[in-house]
Amino acid sequence: MRPLLATLLALPLLAGCTEPDTTTVALLLADEAGSTARGARIVDVEVLTDRIASACEECELEVYDAGGDADEQVSQVRQALAAESDVLAVWPVDAAQVGEVVPEDVPVVSLVTLVPGSEQFVGLAEGEPDLPPQGTDLEAAREVVLGKRKQMTFVPVRALSEQAADVVVGQLAEKPLTGGTEHEGVPSWLYETTRVTLDTLTTVLVGQGVLDLEELCQGRVAERCTQLGLR
């Protein structure tokens, strides 16, 4: 399968990505939507790619979608290696299979699930949990307000995706990012999911800037927000 996206990026340059030759990042996803098999979103591909773009002018980014097929992803890894990609950022379908085909001299940044031999890892503290599909944070929060669900699971998708981009750029600049923790001997940044109820909705989602009350309390949710004193 050909890469879904191959874009030459031309935005402000990060110190360290200064070589005149193009630097290639291969982003290999278990699923292009950045979601689990059940549809719960963990990685925001647009946020991740845009942040890399804003940091490295000479970076060419190639995004591969395995469509949940482990063998297809192995084929894509080999394709990325044949293209002499400088860094592989991988959300693996099968971590062991990917680890078997990546040579030791190619830097790997693991996303969501740790690939053996990775230089660094960005994922969830509880691993890849069995998260239920719930639409966007805004949609799920509105259902909580309306009483259609008792709780939602907040995954810090944006923060995780931005951190992943920063880690990748650090690898490109040969200045690996520091400040994480260790997970199975690998420098890692692990994010917690949070169960959000009506009582904690404003503290978690509004308090962290994920959404604001104005957008939450629009349309059919407006009257309920008023009843609950949210506006």
C-alpha atoms as a PDB file:
ATOM      1  CA  MET A   1       0.000   0.000   0.000  1.00  0.00           C
ATOM      2  CA  ARG A   2       1.308   3.450  -0.875  1.00  0.00           C
ATOM      3  CA  PRO A   3       1.595   6.077   1.875  1.00  0.00           C
ATOM      4  CA  LEU A   4      -1.668   7.918   2.435  1.00  0.00           C
ATOM      5  CA  LEU A   5       0.158  11.188   2.783  1.00  0.00           C
ATOM      6  CA  ALA A   6       3.570  12.494   1.749  1.00  0.00           C
ATOM      7  CA  THR A   7       3.862  16.199   2.353  1.00  0.00           C
ATOM      8  CA  LEU A   8       6.903  18.431   2.147  1.00  0.00           C
ATOM      9  CA  LEU A   9       6.680  20.713   5.130  1.00  0.00           C
ATOM     10  CA  ALA A  10       7.825  24.345   5.005  1.00  0.00           C
ATOM     11  CA  LEU A  11       7.437  26.065   8.366  1.00  0.00           C
ATOM     12  CA  PRO A  12       9.869  27.496  10.987  1.00  0.00           C
ATOM     13  CA  LEU A  13      12.922  25.312  11.573  1.00  0.00           C
ATOM     14  CA  LEU A  14      13.899  23.677  14.840  1.00  0.00           C
ATOM     15  CA  ALA A  15      17.580  23.973  15.713  1.00  0.00           C
ATOM     16  CA  GLY A  16      19.109  20.613  14.865  1.00  0.00           C
ATOM     17  CA  CYS A  17      17.036  19.977  11.705  1.00  0.00           C
ATOM     18  CA  THR A  18      19.389  22.124   9.670  1.00  0.00           C
ATOM     19  CA  GLU A  19      20.807  19.745   7.086  1.00  0.00           C
ATOM     20  CA  PRO A  20      20.091  20.768   3.481  1.00  0.00           C
ATOM     21  CA  ASP A  21      18.947  17.242   2.619  1.00  0.00           C
ATOM     22  CA  THR A  22      15.367  16.265   3.309  1.00  0.00           C
ATOM     23  CA  THR A  23      14.750  14.486   6.595  1.00  0.00           C
ATOM     24  CA  THR A  24      12.042  11.843   6.460  1.00  0.00           C
ATOM     25  CA  VAL A  25       9.669  10.842   9.226  1.00  0.00           C
ATOM     26  CA  ALA A  26       7.539   7.740   8.733  1.00  0.00           C
ATOM     27  CA  LEU A  27       4.379   7.767  10.829  1.00  0.00           C
ATOM     28  CA  LEU A  28       3.019   4.227  10.824  1.00  0.00           C
ATOM     29  CA  LEU A  29      -0.444   3.931  12.307  1.00  0.00           C
ATOM     30  CA  ALA A  30      -2.455   0.925  13.329  1.00  0.00           C
ATOM     31  CA  ASP A  31      -5.407   2.925  12.030  1.00  0.00           C
ATOM     32  CA  GLU A  32      -5.359   6.286  10.248  1.00  0.00           C
ATOM     33  CA  ALA A  33      -8.102   7.709  12.460  1.00  0.00           C
ATOM     34  CA  GLY A  34      -5.821   7.324  15.478  1.00  0.00           C
ATOM     35  CA  SER A  35      -8.335   5.085  17.202  1.00  0.00           C
ATOM     36  CA  THR A  36      -8.507   1.648  18.779  1.00  0.00           C
ATOM     37  CA  ALA A  37     -10.236  -1.287  17.137  1.00  0.00           C
ATOM     38  CA  ARG A  38     -13.438  -0.307  18.976  1.00  0.00           C
ATOM     39  CA  GLY A  39     -13.235   3.267  17.717  1.00  0.00           C
ATOM     40  CA  ALA A  40     -11.938   5.129  20.794  1.00  0.00           C
ATOM     41  CA  ARG A  41      -9.599   7.890  19.698  1.00  0.00           C
ATOM     42  CA  ILE A  42      -6.123   8.061  21.256  1.00  0.00           C
ATOM     43  CA  VAL A  43      -3.901   9.862  18.728  1.00  0.00           C
ATOM     44  CA  ASP A  44      -4.845  13.028  16.835  1.00  0.00           C
ATOM     45  CA  VAL A  45      -2.954  12.576  13.587  1.00  0.00           C
ATOM     46  CA  GLU A  46      -3.545  16.159  12.461  1.00  0.00           C
ATOM     47  CA  VAL A  47      -2.228  17.633  15.716  1.00  0.00           C
ATOM     48  CA  LEU A  48       0.812  15.365  15.622  1.00  0.00           C
ATOM     49  CA  THR A  49       1.719  16.084  12.016  1.00  0.00           C
ATOM     50  CA  ASP A  50       1.068  19.827  12.285  1.00  0.00           C
ATOM     51  CA  ARG A  51       3.323  20.088  15.323  1.00  0.00           C
ATOM     52  CA  ILE A  52       6.149  18.277  13.562  1.00  0.00           C
ATOM     53  CA  ALA A  53       5.597  20.600  10.613  1.00  0.00           C
ATOM     54  CA  SER A  54       5.880  23.684  12.794  1.00  0.00           C
ATOM     55  CA  ALA A  55       9.216  22.504  14.157  1.00  0.00           C
ATOM     56  CA  CYS A  56      11.105  21.143  11.169  1.00  0.00           C
ATOM     57  CA  GLU A  57      11.200  22.905   7.818  1.00  0.00           C
ATOM     58  CA  GLU A  58      13.131  20.259   5.920  1.00  0.00           C
ATOM     59  CA  CYS A  59      11.071  17.329   7.139  1.00  0.00           C
ATOM     60  CA  GLU A  60       9.120  15.176   4.743  1.00  0.00           C
ATOM     61  CA  LEU A  61       6.376  13.332   6.552  1.00  0.00           C
ATOM     62  CA  GLU A  62       4.919  10.075   5.258  1.00  0.00           C
ATOM     63  CA  VAL A  63       1.828   8.652   6.957  1.00  0.00           C
ATOM     64  CA  TYR A  64       0.980   4.988   6.535  1.00  0.00           C
ATOM     65  CA  ASP A  65      -2.306   3.375   7.542  1.00  0.00           C
ATOM     66  CA  ALA A  66      -2.226  -0.339   8.297  1.00  0.00           C
ATOM     67  CA  GLY A  67      -6.002  -0.545   8.623  1.00  0.00           C
ATOM     68  CA  GLY A  68      -5.597  -2.829  11.625  1.00  0.00           C
ATOM     69  CA  ASP A  69      -3.659  -5.418   9.576  1.00  0.00           C
ATOM     70  CA  ALA A  70      -0.398  -6.505  11.255  1.00  0.00           C
ATOM     71  CA  ASP A  71       1.082  -8.027   8.084  1.00  0.00           C
ATOM     72  CA  GLU A  72       0.239  -4.895   6.115  1.00  0.00           C
ATOM     73  CA  GLN A  73       2.001  -2.779   8.707  1.00  0.00           C
ATOM     74  CA  VAL A  74       5.132  -4.931   8.540  1.00  0.00           C
ATOM     75  CA  SER A  75       5.114  -4.395   4.775  1.00  0.00           C
ATOM     76  CA  GLN A  76       4.770  -0.647   5.333  1.00  0.00           C
ATOM     77  CA  VAL A  77       7.650  -0.640   7.827  1.00  0.00           C
ATOM     78  CA  ARG A  78       9.825  -2.319   5.219  1.00  0.00           C
ATOM     79  CA  GLN A  79       8.701   0.258   2.670  1.00  0.00           C
ATOM     80  CA  ALA A  80       9.614   3.090   5.053  1.00  0.00           C
ATOM     81  CA  LEU A  81      13.013   1.521   5.679  1.00  0.00           C
ATOM     82  CA  ALA A  82      13.620   1.131   1.943  1.00  0.00           C
ATOM     83  CA  ALA A  83      12.841   4.848   1.588  1.00  0.00           C
ATOM     84  CA  GLU A  84      15.592   5.500   4.180  1.00  0.00           C
ATOM     85  CA  SER A  85      13.288   7.167   6.680  1.00  0.00           C
ATOM     86  CA  ASP A  86      15.289   8.842   9.434  1.00  0.00           C
ATOM     87  CA  VAL A  87      12.806   8.140  12.239  1.00  0.00           C
ATOM     88  CA  LEU A  88       9.898   5.725  12.528  1.00  0.00           C
ATOM     89  CA  ALA A  89       6.993   6.782  14.745  1.00  0.00           C
ATOM     90  CA  VAL A  90       4.883   3.662  15.151  1.00  0.00           C
ATOM     91  CA  TRP A  91       1.523   2.829  16.682  1.00  0.00           C
ATOM     92  CA  PRO A  92       1.858  -0.916  16.151  1.00  0.00           C
ATOM     93  CA  VAL A  93      -0.843  -3.385  15.299  1.00  0.00           C
ATOM     94  CA  ASP A  94       1.503  -6.091  16.598  1.00  0.00           C
ATOM     95  CA  ALA A  95       4.481  -4.645  18.497  1.00  0.00           C
ATOM     96  CA  ALA A  96       6.538  -7.836  18.372  1.00  0.00           C
ATOM     97  CA  GLN A  97       6.228  -8.137  14.586  1.00  0.00           C
ATOM     98  CA  VAL A  98       7.325  -4.538  14.073  1.00  0.00           C
ATOM     99  CA  GLY A  99      10.242  -4.973  16.460  1.00  0.00           C
ATOM    100  CA  GLU A 100      11.486  -7.956  14.483  1.00  0.00           C
ATOM    101  CA  VAL A 101      11.901  -6.028  11.213  1.00  0.00           C
ATOM    102  CA  VAL A 102      13.334  -2.705  12.406  1.00  0.00           C
ATOM    103  CA  PRO A 103      17.167  -2.610  12.476  1.00  0.00           C
ATOM    104  CA  GLU A 104      18.902  -1.283  15.590  1.00  0.00           C
ATOM    105  CA  ASP A 105      20.344   1.763  13.825  1.00  0.00           C
ATOM    106  CA  VAL A 106      16.921   3.224  12.915  1.00  0.00           C
ATOM    107  CA  PRO A 107      15.333   5.301  15.725  1.00  0.00           C
ATOM    108  CA  VAL A 108      11.841   4.214  16.686  1.00  0.00           C
ATOM    109  CA  VAL A 109       9.347   6.238  18.719  1.00  0.00           C
ATOM    110  CA  SER A 110       6.492   4.054  19.931  1.00  0.00           C
ATOM    111  CA  LEU A 111       2.963   5.406  20.210  1.00  0.00           C
ATOM    112  CA  VAL A 112       0.290   3.850  22.460  1.00  0.00           C
ATOM    113  CA  THR A 113       1.959   0.397  22.509  1.00  0.00           C
ATOM    114  CA  LEU A 114       5.670  -0.134  23.134  1.00  0.00           C
ATOM    115  CA  VAL A 115       7.647  -1.654  20.271  1.00  0.00           C
ATOM    116  CA  PRO A 116      10.680  -3.689  21.431  1.00  0.00           C
ATOM    117  CA  GLY A 117      13.910  -1.768  20.848  1.00  0.00           C
ATOM    118  CA  SER A 118      12.266   1.666  20.799  1.00  0.00           C
ATOM    119  CA  GLU A 119      14.269   4.736  21.766  1.00  0.00           C
ATOM    120  CA  GLN A 120      11.274   6.465  23.370  1.00  0.00           C
ATOM    121  CA  PHE A 121       7.602   5.843  24.043  1.00  0.00           C
ATOM    122  CA  VAL A 122       4.463   7.980  24.347  1.00  0.00           C
ATOM    123  CA  GLY A 123       1.307   6.245  25.500  1.00  0.00           C
ATOM    124  CA  LEU A 124      -1.271   5.722  28.224  1.00  0.00           C
ATOM    125  CA  ALA A 125      -0.356   4.868  31.797  1.00  0.00           C
ATOM    126  CA  GLU A 126      -2.755   1.925  31.754  1.00  0.00           C
ATOM    127  CA  GLY A 127      -1.575   0.647  28.401  1.00  0.00           C
ATOM    128  CA  GLU A 128      -4.085   0.471  25.559  1.00  0.00           C
ATOM    129  CA  PRO A 129      -7.294   0.068  27.585  1.00  0.00           C
ATOM    130  CA  ASP A 130     -10.519  -1.277  26.173  1.00  0.00           C
ATOM    131  CA  LEU A 131     -12.023   2.164  25.651  1.00  0.00           C
ATOM    132  CA  PRO A 132     -15.603   2.359  24.393  1.00  0.00           C
ATOM    133  CA  PRO A 133     -16.400   4.479  21.342  1.00  0.00           C
ATOM    134  CA  GLN A 134     -18.063   7.691  22.476  1.00  0.00           C
ATOM    135  CA  GLY A 135     -17.634  10.248  19.710  1.00  0.00           C
ATOM    136  CA  THR A 136     -15.795  13.491  20.390  1.00  0.00           C
ATOM    137  CA  ASP A 137     -15.238  14.835  23.892  1.00  0.00           C
ATOM    138  CA  LEU A 138     -17.886  17.480  23.199  1.00  0.00           C
ATOM    139  CA  GLU A 139     -20.470  14.927  22.073  1.00  0.00           C
ATOM    140  CA  ALA A 140     -19.793  12.682  25.055  1.00  0.00           C
ATOM    141  CA  ALA A 141     -19.882  15.602  27.505  1.00  0.00           C
ATOM    142  CA  ARG A 142     -23.253  16.728  26.157  1.00  0.00           C
ATOM    143  CA  GLU A 143     -24.637  13.226  26.662  1.00  0.00           C
ATOM    144  CA  VAL A 144     -23.428  13.338  30.269  1.00  0.00           C
ATOM    145  CA  VAL A 145     -25.162  16.701  30.789  1.00  0.00           C
ATOM    146  CA  LEU A 146     -28.373  15.364  29.229  1.00  0.00           C
ATOM    147  CA  GLY A 147     -28.264  12.256  31.405  1.00  0.00           C
ATOM    148  CA  LYS A 148     -27.932   9.905  28.437  1.00  0.00           C
ATOM    149  CA  ARG A 149     -24.787   8.458  29.965  1.00  0.00           C
ATOM    150  CA  LYS A 150     -23.534   8.457  33.555  1.00  0.00           C
ATOM    151  CA  GLN A 151     -19.908   9.014  32.642  1.00  0.00           C
ATOM    152  CA  MET A 152     -17.424   9.411  29.820  1.00  0.00           C
ATOM    153  CA  THR A 153     -13.754   8.566  29.537  1.00  0.00           C
ATOM    154  CA  PHE A 154     -11.482  11.508  28.872  1.00  0.00           C
ATOM    155  CA  VAL A 155      -8.341  10.590  26.967  1.00  0.00           C
ATOM    156  CA  PRO A 156      -5.844  13.485  26.777  1.00  0.00           C
ATOM    157  CA  VAL A 157      -5.523  13.026  23.023  1.00  0.00           C
ATOM    158  CA  ARG A 158      -4.143  16.472  22.220  1.00  0.00           C
ATOM    159  CA  ALA A 159      -1.523  16.449  24.965  1.00  0.00           C
ATOM    160  CA  LEU A 160      -0.409  12.937  24.030  1.00  0.00           C
ATOM    161  CA  SER A 161      -0.210  13.808  20.324  1.00  0.00           C
ATOM    162  CA  GLU A 162       1.771  17.011  20.934  1.00  0.00           C
ATOM    163  CA  GLN A 163       4.171  15.157  23.211  1.00  0.00           C
ATOM    164  CA  ALA A 164       4.651  12.461  20.577  1.00  0.00           C
ATOM    165  CA  ALA A 165       5.501  15.106  17.987  1.00  0.00           C
ATOM    166  CA  ASP A 166       8.039  16.731  20.308  1.00  0.00           C
ATOM    167  CA  VAL A 167       9.687  13.383  20.983  1.00  0.00           C
ATOM    168  CA  VAL A 168       9.929  12.662  17.249  1.00  0.00           C
ATOM    169  CA  VAL A 169      11.467  16.073  16.554  1.00  0.00           C
ATOM    170  CA  GLY A 170      13.971  15.510  19.349  1.00  0.00           C
ATOM    171  CA  GLN A 171      15.038  12.275  17.676  1.00  0.00           C
ATOM    172  CA  LEU A 172      15.376  14.051  14.338  1.00  0.00           C
ATOM    173  CA  ALA A 173      17.583  16.709  15.913  1.00  0.00           C
ATOM    174  CA  GLU A 174      19.635  14.006  17.672  1.00  0.00           C
ATOM    175  CA  LYS A 175      18.694  15.718  20.939  1.00  0.00           C
ATOM    176  CA  PRO A 176      16.348  13.209  22.577  1.00  0.00           C
ATOM    177  CA  LEU A 177      13.737  14.840  24.758  1.00  0.00           C
ATOM    178  CA  THR A 178      14.177  14.407  28.499  1.00  0.00           C
ATOM    179  CA  GLY A 179      11.827  14.706  31.444  1.00  0.00           C
ATOM    180  CA  GLY A 180       9.764  11.576  31.057  1.00  0.00           C
ATOM    181  CA  THR A 181       9.677   8.446  33.186  1.00  0.00           C
ATOM    182  CA  GLU A 182      10.910   4.913  32.515  1.00  0.00           C
ATOM    183  CA  HIS A 183       8.658   2.177  31.222  1.00  0.00           C
ATOM    184  CA  GLU A 184      10.235  -1.234  30.666  1.00  0.00           C
ATOM    185  CA  GLY A 185      13.609   0.499  30.517  1.00  0.00           C
ATOM    186  CA  VAL A 186      12.504   2.982  27.831  1.00  0.00           C
ATOM    187  CA  PRO A 187      12.221   6.781  28.374  1.00  0.00           C
ATOM    188  CA  SER A 188       8.465   7.336  28.301  1.00  0.00           C
ATOM    189  CA  TRP A 189       5.651   9.841  28.637  1.00  0.00           C
ATOM    190  CA  LEU A 190       2.502   8.181  29.935  1.00  0.00           C
ATOM    191  CA  TYR A 191      -0.893   9.844  30.186  1.00  0.00           C
ATOM    192  CA  GLU A 192      -3.801   9.005  32.463  1.00  0.00           C
ATOM    193  CA  THR A 193      -7.362   8.571  31.278  1.00  0.00           C
ATOM    194  CA  THR A 194     -10.045  10.084  33.497  1.00  0.00           C
ATOM    195  CA  ARG A 195     -13.597   8.994  34.149  1.00  0.00           C
ATOM    196  CA  VAL A 196     -15.731  12.119  33.965  1.00  0.00           C
ATOM    197  CA  THR A 197     -19.173  12.379  35.570  1.00  0.00           C
ATOM    198  CA  LEU A 198     -21.584  15.286  35.753  1.00  0.00           C
ATOM    199  CA  ASP A 199     -19.986  16.334  39.058  1.00  0.00           C
ATOM    200  CA  THR A 200     -16.459  16.463  37.609  1.00  0.00           C
ATOM    201  CA  LEU A 201     -17.218  17.542  34.056  1.00  0.00           C
ATOM    202  CA  THR A 202     -16.429  21.234  34.473  1.00  0.00           C
ATOM    203  CA  THR A 203     -13.365  20.556  36.636  1.00  0.00           C
ATOM    204  CA  VAL A 204     -11.784  18.144  34.169  1.00  0.00           C
ATOM    205  CA  LEU A 205     -12.904  19.270  30.730  1.00  0.00           C
ATOM    206  CA  VAL A 206     -13.577  22.979  31.172  1.00  0.00           C
ATOM    207  CA  GLY A 207     -10.802  23.383  33.742  1.00  0.00           C
ATOM    208  CA  GLN A 208      -8.235  21.861  31.410  1.00  0.00           C
ATOM    209  CA  GLY A 209      -9.409  23.879  28.424  1.00  0.00           C
ATOM    210  CA  VAL A 210     -10.647  20.863  26.475  1.00  0.00           C
ATOM    211  CA  LEU A 211     -13.955  22.659  25.891  1.00  0.00           C
ATOM    212  CA  ASP A 212     -15.767  25.698  27.266  1.00  0.00           C
ATOM    213  CA  LEU A 213     -19.241  26.125  28.705  1.00  0.00           C
ATOM    214  CA  GLU A 214     -20.431  28.202  25.771  1.00  0.00           C
ATOM    215  CA  GLU A 215     -19.833  25.437  23.243  1.00  0.00           C
ATOM    216  CA  LEU A 216     -20.988  22.741  25.666  1.00  0.00           C
ATOM    217  CA  CYS A 217     -24.302  24.450  26.418  1.00  0.00           C
ATOM    218  CA  GLN A 218     -25.559  25.091  22.911  1.00  0.00           C
ATOM    219  CA  GLY A 219     -28.694  23.856  21.161  1.00  0.00           C
ATOM    220  CA  ARG A 220     -30.583  21.077  22.866  1.00  0.00           C
ATOM    221  CA  VAL A 221     -28.204  21.148  25.854  1.00  0.00           C
ATOM    222  CA  ALA A 222     -28.841  24.812  26.734  1.00  0.00           C
ATOM    223  CA  GLU A 223     -31.935  24.300  28.892  1.00  0.00           C
ATOM    224  CA  ARG A 224     -30.366  21.434  30.812  1.00  0.00           C
ATOM    225  CA  CYS A 225     -27.222  23.517  31.481  1.00  0.00           C
ATOM    226  CA  THR A 226     -29.423  26.257  32.912  1.00  0.00           C
ATOM    227  CA  GLN A 227     -31.236  23.784  35.148  1.00  0.00           C
ATOM    228  CA  LEU A 228     -27.900  22.492  36.440  1.00  0.00           C
ATOM    229  CA  GLY A 229     -26.488  25.986  36.974  1.00  0.00           C
ATOM    230  CA  LEU A 230     -23.744  25.510  34.413  1.00  0.00           C
ATOM    231  CA  ARG A 231     -24.476  28.857  32.756  1.00  0.00           C
END
